[in-house]
Amino acid sequence: MRIPFKIAVTLLTCALSLPLTTWGQRTRAPGTDIIERDLFDYANRERSSQGLPPLKWDNALARAAQKHAAVMAQQGSLSHQFPGESSLPSRAVLSGVRYVWLAENVAQGPSAQVIHAQWVRSPNHRANLLDRDMDSIGIAVAERDGQWFAVEDFSKAKQ
């Protein structure tokens, strides 16, 4: 899913008129940082194998991804947006992301290796991962019942 900045601003304006969702506080599970680092490394190895430049880590994108990963874990389900939850463009803008384009991958699995393999096998997720226009990434995971709910948020950073 790619969203131009102008559309995102319009969506954000609409979203801000809705009641705020309470995200709650979740403690990060042990190993969270390792899973996120592994997914980042897998993403850049995949891009390198296709002759593409590596993605830069973006803390603001990671904050946006974390909000969504926590909601997915809470729901115990995958979606790009749940009822009452902010959209990807809204999450990005509210987290401080400045972008031209956005894209997002979501998955659930027992390990970074399994999650990355799912993304690579899915044509749409693989296209996001290998999109030549994207230059930045933020990744977050949240754990529930031994499963990791993972989010990769991509952007072409606005200069």
N, C-alpha and C. Protein backbone atom coordinates (compact mmCIF):
# COMPACT_ATOMS: atom_id res chain seq x y z
N MET A 1 0.84 -1.16 0.00
CA MET A 1 0.00 0.00 0.00
C MET A 1 0.89 1.23 0.00
N ARG A 2 0.83 2.06 -1.06
CA ARG A 2 1.59 3.31 -1.17
C ARG A 2 0.63 4.47 -1.06
N ILE A 3 1.02 5.46 -0.28
CA ILE A 3 0.13 6.60 -0.07
C ILE A 3 0.91 7.89 -0.26
N PRO A 4 0.50 8.75 -1.21
CA PRO A 4 1.18 10.03 -1.39
C PRO A 4 0.94 10.95 -0.18
N PHE A 5 1.87 11.84 0.05
CA PHE A 5 1.84 12.73 1.21
C PHE A 5 0.57 13.57 1.26
N LYS A 6 0.14 14.14 0.13
CA LYS A 6 -1.04 15.02 0.13
C LYS A 6 -2.29 14.27 0.58
N ILE A 7 -2.43 13.02 0.16
CA ILE A 7 -3.58 12.22 0.59
C ILE A 7 -3.46 11.92 2.08
N ALA A 8 -2.26 11.67 2.54
CA ALA A 8 -2.05 11.37 3.95
C ALA A 8 -2.45 12.55 4.83
N VAL A 9 -2.14 13.75 4.41
CA VAL A 9 -2.51 14.93 5.18
C VAL A 9 -4.03 15.03 5.27
N THR A 10 -4.71 14.76 4.17
CA THR A 10 -6.17 14.78 4.17
C THR A 10 -6.72 13.72 5.12
N LEU A 11 -6.15 12.51 5.05
CA LEU A 11 -6.59 11.43 5.94
C LEU A 11 -6.32 11.78 7.40
N LEU A 12 -5.17 12.38 7.67
CA LEU A 12 -4.83 12.77 9.04
C LEU A 12 -5.82 13.79 9.56
N THR A 13 -6.19 14.75 8.73
CA THR A 13 -7.16 15.76 9.15
C THR A 13 -8.48 15.10 9.54
N CYS A 14 -8.91 14.13 8.74
CA CYS A 14 -10.14 13.41 9.06
C CYS A 14 -9.97 12.59 10.33
N ALA A 15 -8.83 11.93 10.47
CA ALA A 15 -8.58 11.08 11.64
C ALA A 15 -8.56 11.89 12.93
N LEU A 16 -8.03 13.10 12.86
CA LEU A 16 -7.94 13.92 14.07
C LEU A 16 -9.31 14.36 14.57
N SER A 17 -10.31 14.28 13.70
CA SER A 17 -11.66 14.63 14.13
C SER A 17 -12.35 13.47 14.84
N LEU A 18 -11.74 12.28 14.80
CA LEU A 18 -12.31 11.11 15.46
C LEU A 18 -11.79 11.03 16.89
N PRO A 19 -12.49 10.29 17.78
CA PRO A 19 -12.00 10.12 19.14
C PRO A 19 -10.67 9.37 19.14
N LEU A 20 -9.80 9.74 20.05
CA LEU A 20 -8.50 9.09 20.15
C LEU A 20 -8.66 7.69 20.72
N THR A 21 -7.86 6.77 20.20
CA THR A 21 -7.83 5.40 20.70
C THR A 21 -6.84 5.32 21.85
N THR A 22 -7.19 4.60 22.89
CA THR A 22 -6.26 4.38 23.99
C THR A 22 -5.42 3.16 23.65
N TRP A 23 -4.12 3.36 23.54
CA TRP A 23 -3.23 2.27 23.15
C TRP A 23 -2.83 1.42 24.35
N GLY A 24 -2.80 2.01 25.52
CA GLY A 24 -2.37 1.24 26.69
C GLY A 24 -0.85 1.10 26.70
N GLN A 25 -0.34 0.71 27.81
CA GLN A 25 1.10 0.50 27.96
C GLN A 25 1.39 -0.98 27.86
N ARG A 26 2.32 -1.35 27.00
CA ARG A 26 2.74 -2.75 26.88
C ARG A 26 4.22 -2.81 27.17
N THR A 27 4.60 -3.76 27.97
CA THR A 27 6.01 -3.99 28.23
C THR A 27 6.58 -4.74 27.05
N ARG A 28 7.76 -4.31 26.59
CA ARG A 28 8.40 -5.00 25.47
C ARG A 28 8.90 -6.35 25.95
N ALA A 29 8.59 -7.38 25.19
CA ALA A 29 8.98 -8.74 25.55
C ALA A 29 10.49 -8.91 25.39
N PRO A 30 11.09 -9.81 26.20
CA PRO A 30 12.51 -10.10 26.01
C PRO A 30 12.75 -10.59 24.58
N GLY A 31 13.83 -10.12 23.98
CA GLY A 31 14.17 -10.53 22.62
C GLY A 31 13.61 -9.64 21.54
N THR A 32 12.78 -8.67 21.93
CA THR A 32 12.15 -7.79 20.95
C THR A 32 13.19 -7.08 20.09
N ASP A 33 14.21 -6.50 20.73
CA ASP A 33 15.25 -5.78 19.98
C ASP A 33 15.98 -6.69 19.00
N ILE A 34 16.20 -7.92 19.40
CA ILE A 34 16.90 -8.89 18.53
C ILE A 34 16.04 -9.20 17.30
N ILE A 35 14.77 -9.46 17.50
CA ILE A 35 13.86 -9.76 16.38
C ILE A 35 13.82 -8.57 15.41
N GLU A 36 13.69 -7.36 15.95
CA GLU A 36 13.64 -6.17 15.09
C GLU A 36 14.95 -6.00 14.32
N ARG A 37 16.07 -6.19 14.98
CA ARG A 37 17.38 -6.07 14.31
C ARG A 37 17.52 -7.13 13.22
N ASP A 38 17.10 -8.36 13.52
CA ASP A 38 17.17 -9.43 12.51
C ASP A 38 16.32 -9.09 11.30
N LEU A 39 15.11 -8.58 11.51
CA LEU A 39 14.24 -8.22 10.38
C LEU A 39 14.87 -7.10 9.55
N PHE A 40 15.50 -6.14 10.21
CA PHE A 40 16.20 -5.06 9.50
C PHE A 40 17.33 -5.63 8.65
N ASP A 41 18.13 -6.53 9.24
CA ASP A 41 19.24 -7.15 8.51
C ASP A 41 18.72 -7.98 7.33
N TYR A 42 17.66 -8.77 7.56
CA TYR A 42 17.08 -9.57 6.47
C TYR A 42 16.60 -8.68 5.33
N ALA A 43 15.94 -7.57 5.68
CA ALA A 43 15.42 -6.66 4.65
C ALA A 43 16.56 -6.12 3.80
N ASN A 44 17.63 -5.68 4.42
CA ASN A 44 18.74 -5.11 3.65
C ASN A 44 19.53 -6.17 2.89
N ARG A 45 19.61 -7.37 3.43
CA ARG A 45 20.25 -8.46 2.65
C ARG A 45 19.43 -8.79 1.41
N GLU A 46 18.11 -8.80 1.55
CA GLU A 46 17.23 -9.07 0.42
C GLU A 46 17.40 -8.00 -0.65
N ARG A 47 17.44 -6.74 -0.23
CA ARG A 47 17.63 -5.64 -1.18
C ARG A 47 19.00 -5.74 -1.85
N SER A 48 20.02 -6.02 -1.07
CA SER A 48 21.37 -6.15 -1.61
C SER A 48 21.45 -7.26 -2.66
N SER A 49 20.77 -8.37 -2.40
CA SER A 49 20.79 -9.49 -3.35
C SER A 49 20.16 -9.13 -4.68
N GLN A 50 19.35 -8.07 -4.69
CA GLN A 50 18.70 -7.59 -5.91
C GLN A 50 19.36 -6.34 -6.47
N GLY A 51 20.54 -5.99 -5.92
CA GLY A 51 21.29 -4.84 -6.40
C GLY A 51 20.72 -3.50 -5.95
N LEU A 52 19.93 -3.50 -4.90
CA LEU A 52 19.31 -2.27 -4.39
C LEU A 52 20.09 -1.73 -3.20
N PRO A 53 20.07 -0.42 -3.00
CA PRO A 53 20.76 0.16 -1.84
C PRO A 53 20.04 -0.23 -0.54
N PRO A 54 20.77 -0.23 0.56
CA PRO A 54 20.15 -0.56 1.84
C PRO A 54 19.18 0.54 2.28
N LEU A 55 18.22 0.14 3.08
CA LEU A 55 17.29 1.09 3.69
C LEU A 55 17.93 1.66 4.95
N LYS A 56 17.68 2.94 5.22
CA LYS A 56 18.16 3.57 6.44
C LYS A 56 17.12 3.36 7.54
N TRP A 57 17.62 3.13 8.75
CA TRP A 57 16.70 3.02 9.90
C TRP A 57 16.14 4.39 10.21
N ASP A 58 14.83 4.45 10.47
CA ASP A 58 14.16 5.70 10.80
C ASP A 58 13.40 5.50 12.11
N ASN A 59 13.82 6.20 13.16
CA ASN A 59 13.19 6.05 14.47
C ASN A 59 11.72 6.46 14.46
N ALA A 60 11.37 7.47 13.69
CA ALA A 60 9.97 7.90 13.64
C ALA A 60 9.10 6.81 12.99
N LEU A 61 9.60 6.20 11.92
CA LEU A 61 8.87 5.09 11.30
C LEU A 61 8.74 3.92 12.29
N ALA A 62 9.79 3.67 13.06
CA ALA A 62 9.75 2.59 14.05
C ALA A 62 8.70 2.88 15.12
N ARG A 63 8.56 4.15 15.52
CA ARG A 63 7.52 4.50 16.50
C ARG A 63 6.13 4.24 15.92
N ALA A 64 5.94 4.60 14.66
CA ALA A 64 4.65 4.35 14.01
C ALA A 64 4.39 2.85 13.92
N ALA A 65 5.42 2.09 13.57
CA ALA A 65 5.29 0.63 13.47
C ALA A 65 4.98 0.03 14.83
N GLN A 66 5.60 0.56 15.90
CA GLN A 66 5.38 0.03 17.24
C GLN A 66 3.94 0.19 17.68
N LYS A 67 3.36 1.34 17.38
CA LYS A 67 1.96 1.56 17.74
C LYS A 67 1.08 0.48 17.10
N HIS A 68 1.34 0.21 15.84
CA HIS A 68 0.50 -0.75 15.13
C HIS A 68 0.79 -2.19 15.56
N ALA A 69 2.05 -2.53 15.78
CA ALA A 69 2.38 -3.89 16.24
C ALA A 69 1.70 -4.18 17.57
N ALA A 70 1.67 -3.19 18.46
CA ALA A 70 1.02 -3.37 19.77
C ALA A 70 -0.47 -3.62 19.60
N VAL A 71 -1.10 -2.90 18.68
CA VAL A 71 -2.54 -3.09 18.45
C VAL A 71 -2.79 -4.48 17.86
N MET A 72 -1.96 -4.90 16.90
CA MET A 72 -2.14 -6.24 16.32
C MET A 72 -2.01 -7.31 17.39
N ALA A 73 -1.00 -7.20 18.25
CA ALA A 73 -0.81 -8.18 19.32
C ALA A 73 -2.00 -8.17 20.27
N GLN A 74 -2.47 -6.99 20.60
CA GLN A 74 -3.63 -6.88 21.49
C GLN A 74 -4.85 -7.55 20.86
N GLN A 75 -5.04 -7.34 19.55
CA GLN A 75 -6.17 -7.93 18.84
C GLN A 75 -5.95 -9.42 18.54
N GLY A 76 -4.68 -9.84 18.52
CA GLY A 76 -4.37 -11.22 18.16
C GLY A 76 -4.66 -11.50 16.70
N SER A 77 -4.50 -10.46 15.86
CA SER A 77 -4.88 -10.56 14.45
C SER A 77 -4.04 -9.60 13.62
N LEU A 78 -3.97 -9.88 12.32
CA LEU A 78 -3.25 -9.03 11.38
C LEU A 78 -4.22 -8.14 10.61
N SER A 79 -3.83 -6.89 10.44
CA SER A 79 -4.58 -5.95 9.62
C SER A 79 -3.70 -4.72 9.44
N HIS A 80 -3.94 -3.97 8.38
CA HIS A 80 -3.23 -2.71 8.22
C HIS A 80 -3.90 -1.60 9.02
N GLN A 81 -5.16 -1.81 9.42
CA GLN A 81 -5.85 -0.85 10.25
C GLN A 81 -7.07 -1.51 10.88
N PHE A 82 -7.20 -1.37 12.18
CA PHE A 82 -8.34 -1.89 12.91
C PHE A 82 -9.36 -0.77 13.13
N PRO A 83 -10.62 -1.12 13.35
CA PRO A 83 -11.62 -0.09 13.64
C PRO A 83 -11.18 0.76 14.84
N GLY A 84 -11.27 2.07 14.67
CA GLY A 84 -10.88 2.99 15.72
C GLY A 84 -9.40 3.30 15.79
N GLU A 85 -8.59 2.62 14.98
CA GLU A 85 -7.15 2.84 14.97
C GLU A 85 -6.80 3.85 13.88
N SER A 86 -5.77 4.63 14.13
CA SER A 86 -5.27 5.57 13.12
C SER A 86 -4.77 4.80 11.90
N SER A 87 -4.87 5.42 10.74
CA SER A 87 -4.36 4.84 9.50
C SER A 87 -2.83 4.94 9.48
N LEU A 88 -2.20 4.22 8.56
CA LEU A 88 -0.75 4.30 8.40
C LEU A 88 -0.28 5.73 8.21
N PRO A 89 -0.86 6.51 7.30
CA PRO A 89 -0.40 7.90 7.16
C PRO A 89 -0.55 8.71 8.44
N SER A 90 -1.64 8.51 9.15
CA SER A 90 -1.84 9.23 10.41
C SER A 90 -0.81 8.81 11.45
N ARG A 91 -0.59 7.49 11.58
CA ARG A 91 0.42 7.01 12.55
C ARG A 91 1.78 7.59 12.21
N ALA A 92 2.10 7.64 10.92
CA ALA A 92 3.41 8.15 10.49
C ALA A 92 3.55 9.63 10.83
N VAL A 93 2.58 10.44 10.45
CA VAL A 93 2.66 11.87 10.70
C VAL A 93 2.70 12.15 12.21
N LEU A 94 1.85 11.47 12.97
CA LEU A 94 1.82 11.67 14.42
C LEU A 94 3.13 11.24 15.09
N SER A 95 3.88 10.35 14.44
CA SER A 95 5.16 9.90 14.98
C SER A 95 6.33 10.75 14.50
N GLY A 96 6.04 11.73 13.63
CA GLY A 96 7.09 12.63 13.17
C GLY A 96 7.73 12.25 11.85
N VAL A 97 7.15 11.34 11.11
CA VAL A 97 7.70 10.92 9.82
C VAL A 97 7.42 11.99 8.78
N ARG A 98 8.45 12.36 8.03
CA ARG A 98 8.31 13.27 6.88
C ARG A 98 8.58 12.43 5.64
N TYR A 99 7.59 12.30 4.79
CA TYR A 99 7.71 11.36 3.68
C TYR A 99 7.04 11.86 2.41
N VAL A 100 7.43 11.23 1.30
CA VAL A 100 6.79 11.41 0.01
C VAL A 100 5.86 10.22 -0.25
N TRP A 101 6.36 9.01 0.05
CA TRP A 101 5.60 7.76 -0.11
C TRP A 101 5.70 6.94 1.15
N LEU A 102 4.69 6.11 1.41
CA LEU A 102 4.69 5.16 2.51
C LEU A 102 4.25 3.80 2.01
N ALA A 103 4.72 2.77 2.69
CA ALA A 103 4.24 1.41 2.45
C ALA A 103 4.39 0.65 3.76
N GLU A 104 3.65 -0.45 3.88
CA GLU A 104 3.68 -1.21 5.13
C GLU A 104 3.55 -2.70 4.87
N ASN A 105 4.32 -3.47 5.60
CA ASN A 105 4.19 -4.93 5.64
C ASN A 105 3.82 -5.33 7.06
N VAL A 106 2.88 -6.26 7.18
CA VAL A 106 2.53 -6.83 8.48
C VAL A 106 2.57 -8.34 8.37
N ALA A 107 2.94 -8.99 9.47
CA ALA A 107 2.98 -10.45 9.50
C ALA A 107 2.99 -10.92 10.95
N GLN A 108 2.78 -12.22 11.09
CA GLN A 108 2.80 -12.87 12.40
C GLN A 108 3.56 -14.17 12.25
N GLY A 109 4.42 -14.47 13.24
CA GLY A 109 5.15 -15.72 13.19
C GLY A 109 5.97 -15.94 14.45
N PRO A 110 6.59 -17.12 14.56
CA PRO A 110 7.35 -17.46 15.76
C PRO A 110 8.77 -16.90 15.78
N SER A 111 9.25 -16.39 14.64
CA SER A 111 10.64 -15.90 14.59
C SER A 111 10.79 -14.90 13.45
N ALA A 112 11.89 -14.13 13.52
CA ALA A 112 12.18 -13.17 12.45
C ALA A 112 12.36 -13.89 11.12
N GLN A 113 13.02 -15.04 11.14
CA GLN A 113 13.27 -15.78 9.90
C GLN A 113 11.96 -16.20 9.22
N VAL A 114 11.01 -16.68 9.99
CA VAL A 114 9.72 -17.11 9.43
C VAL A 114 8.95 -15.90 8.91
N ILE A 115 8.95 -14.81 9.67
CA ILE A 115 8.23 -13.60 9.25
C ILE A 115 8.82 -13.06 7.95
N HIS A 116 10.14 -12.96 7.88
CA HIS A 116 10.78 -12.46 6.66
C HIS A 116 10.46 -13.37 5.47
N ALA A 117 10.50 -14.66 5.68
CA ALA A 117 10.19 -15.60 4.59
C ALA A 117 8.76 -15.40 4.08
N GLN A 118 7.83 -15.12 4.98
CA GLN A 118 6.44 -14.84 4.56
C GLN A 118 6.39 -13.61 3.67
N TRP A 119 7.09 -12.57 4.08
CA TRP A 119 7.09 -11.33 3.29
C TRP A 119 7.71 -11.54 1.91
N VAL A 120 8.78 -12.30 1.85
CA VAL A 120 9.46 -12.54 0.57
C VAL A 120 8.58 -13.37 -0.36
N ARG A 121 7.80 -14.31 0.18
CA ARG A 121 6.93 -15.16 -0.65
C ARG A 121 5.68 -14.44 -1.12
N SER A 122 5.29 -13.38 -0.46
CA SER A 122 4.08 -12.63 -0.84
C SER A 122 4.45 -11.57 -1.88
N PRO A 123 3.85 -11.61 -3.07
CA PRO A 123 4.20 -10.63 -4.10
C PRO A 123 4.07 -9.17 -3.65
N ASN A 124 3.00 -8.82 -2.96
CA ASN A 124 2.81 -7.43 -2.54
C ASN A 124 3.81 -7.02 -1.47
N HIS A 125 4.06 -7.89 -0.51
CA HIS A 125 5.03 -7.57 0.55
C HIS A 125 6.45 -7.49 -0.03
N ARG A 126 6.76 -8.42 -0.93
CA ARG A 126 8.08 -8.41 -1.57
C ARG A 126 8.26 -7.11 -2.38
N ALA A 127 7.20 -6.70 -3.06
CA ALA A 127 7.28 -5.45 -3.84
C ALA A 127 7.57 -4.26 -2.93
N ASN A 128 6.96 -4.21 -1.75
CA ASN A 128 7.27 -3.13 -0.81
C ASN A 128 8.73 -3.19 -0.39
N LEU A 129 9.19 -4.37 -0.05
CA LEU A 129 10.56 -4.56 0.41
C LEU A 129 11.58 -4.15 -0.65
N LEU A 130 11.27 -4.42 -1.91
CA LEU A 130 12.21 -4.16 -3.01
C LEU A 130 11.88 -2.89 -3.80
N ASP A 131 11.01 -2.06 -3.27
CA ASP A 131 10.62 -0.83 -3.96
C ASP A 131 11.82 0.12 -4.05
N ARG A 132 12.22 0.43 -5.27
CA ARG A 132 13.38 1.31 -5.49
C ARG A 132 13.16 2.73 -4.97
N ASP A 133 11.91 3.13 -4.86
CA ASP A 133 11.60 4.48 -4.37
C ASP A 133 11.80 4.64 -2.86
N MET A 134 11.72 3.54 -2.13
CA MET A 134 11.82 3.61 -0.68
C MET A 134 13.28 3.70 -0.24
N ASP A 135 13.54 4.55 0.77
CA ASP A 135 14.91 4.68 1.26
C ASP A 135 15.03 4.53 2.77
N SER A 136 13.89 4.43 3.47
CA SER A 136 13.91 4.36 4.93
C SER A 136 12.97 3.27 5.42
N ILE A 137 13.26 2.77 6.63
CA ILE A 137 12.44 1.72 7.21
C ILE A 137 12.41 1.88 8.73
N GLY A 138 11.29 1.51 9.30
CA GLY A 138 11.14 1.38 10.75
C GLY A 138 10.44 0.06 11.00
N ILE A 139 10.93 -0.71 11.93
CA ILE A 139 10.39 -2.05 12.19
C ILE A 139 10.06 -2.16 13.67
N ALA A 140 8.96 -2.83 13.97
CA ALA A 140 8.60 -3.10 15.35
C ALA A 140 7.89 -4.44 15.44
N VAL A 141 8.03 -5.06 16.59
CA VAL A 141 7.33 -6.31 16.86
C VAL A 141 6.72 -6.23 18.25
N ALA A 142 5.66 -7.00 18.44
CA ALA A 142 5.04 -7.17 19.76
C ALA A 142 4.70 -8.65 19.89
N GLU A 143 4.87 -9.17 21.09
CA GLU A 143 4.68 -10.60 21.32
C GLU A 143 3.35 -10.88 21.99
N ARG A 144 2.73 -11.98 21.57
CA ARG A 144 1.52 -12.48 22.23
C ARG A 144 1.49 -13.99 22.09
N ASP A 145 1.45 -14.66 23.21
CA ASP A 145 1.33 -16.12 23.24
C ASP A 145 2.36 -16.82 22.37
N GLY A 146 3.60 -16.36 22.42
CA GLY A 146 4.69 -17.01 21.68
C GLY A 146 4.76 -16.64 20.21
N GLN A 147 3.91 -15.73 19.77
CA GLN A 147 3.92 -15.28 18.38
C GLN A 147 4.34 -13.81 18.34
N TRP A 148 5.11 -13.47 17.31
CA TRP A 148 5.53 -12.08 17.10
C TRP A 148 4.61 -11.46 16.06
N PHE A 149 4.08 -10.31 16.37
CA PHE A 149 3.31 -9.51 15.42
C PHE A 149 4.26 -8.43 14.93
N ALA A 150 4.56 -8.45 13.63
CA ALA A 150 5.62 -7.60 13.08
C ALA A 150 5.07 -6.60 12.08
N VAL A 151 5.69 -5.41 12.11
CA VAL A 151 5.33 -4.34 11.19
C VAL A 151 6.62 -3.76 10.61
N GLU A 152 6.68 -3.68 9.30
CA GLU A 152 7.74 -2.95 8.59
C GLU A 152 7.06 -1.76 7.94
N ASP A 153 7.46 -0.55 8.32
CA ASP A 153 6.96 0.66 7.67
C ASP A 153 8.09 1.23 6.83
N PHE A 154 7.82 1.47 5.56
CA PHE A 154 8.78 1.98 4.60
C PHE A 154 8.41 3.41 4.20
N SER A 155 9.41 4.20 3.85
CA SER A 155 9.10 5.51 3.30
C SER A 155 10.19 5.96 2.33
N LYS A 156 9.77 6.87 1.47
CA LYS A 156 10.73 7.69 0.74
C LYS A 156 10.70 8.99 1.52
N ALA A 157 11.83 9.28 2.17
CA ALA A 157 11.88 10.42 3.07
C ALA A 157 11.74 11.72 2.29
N LYS A 158 11.02 12.65 2.89
CA LYS A 158 10.85 13.98 2.32
C LYS A 158 12.08 14.80 2.71
N GLN A 159 12.70 15.43 1.74
CA GLN A 159 13.93 16.21 2.00
C GLN A 159 13.63 17.56 2.57
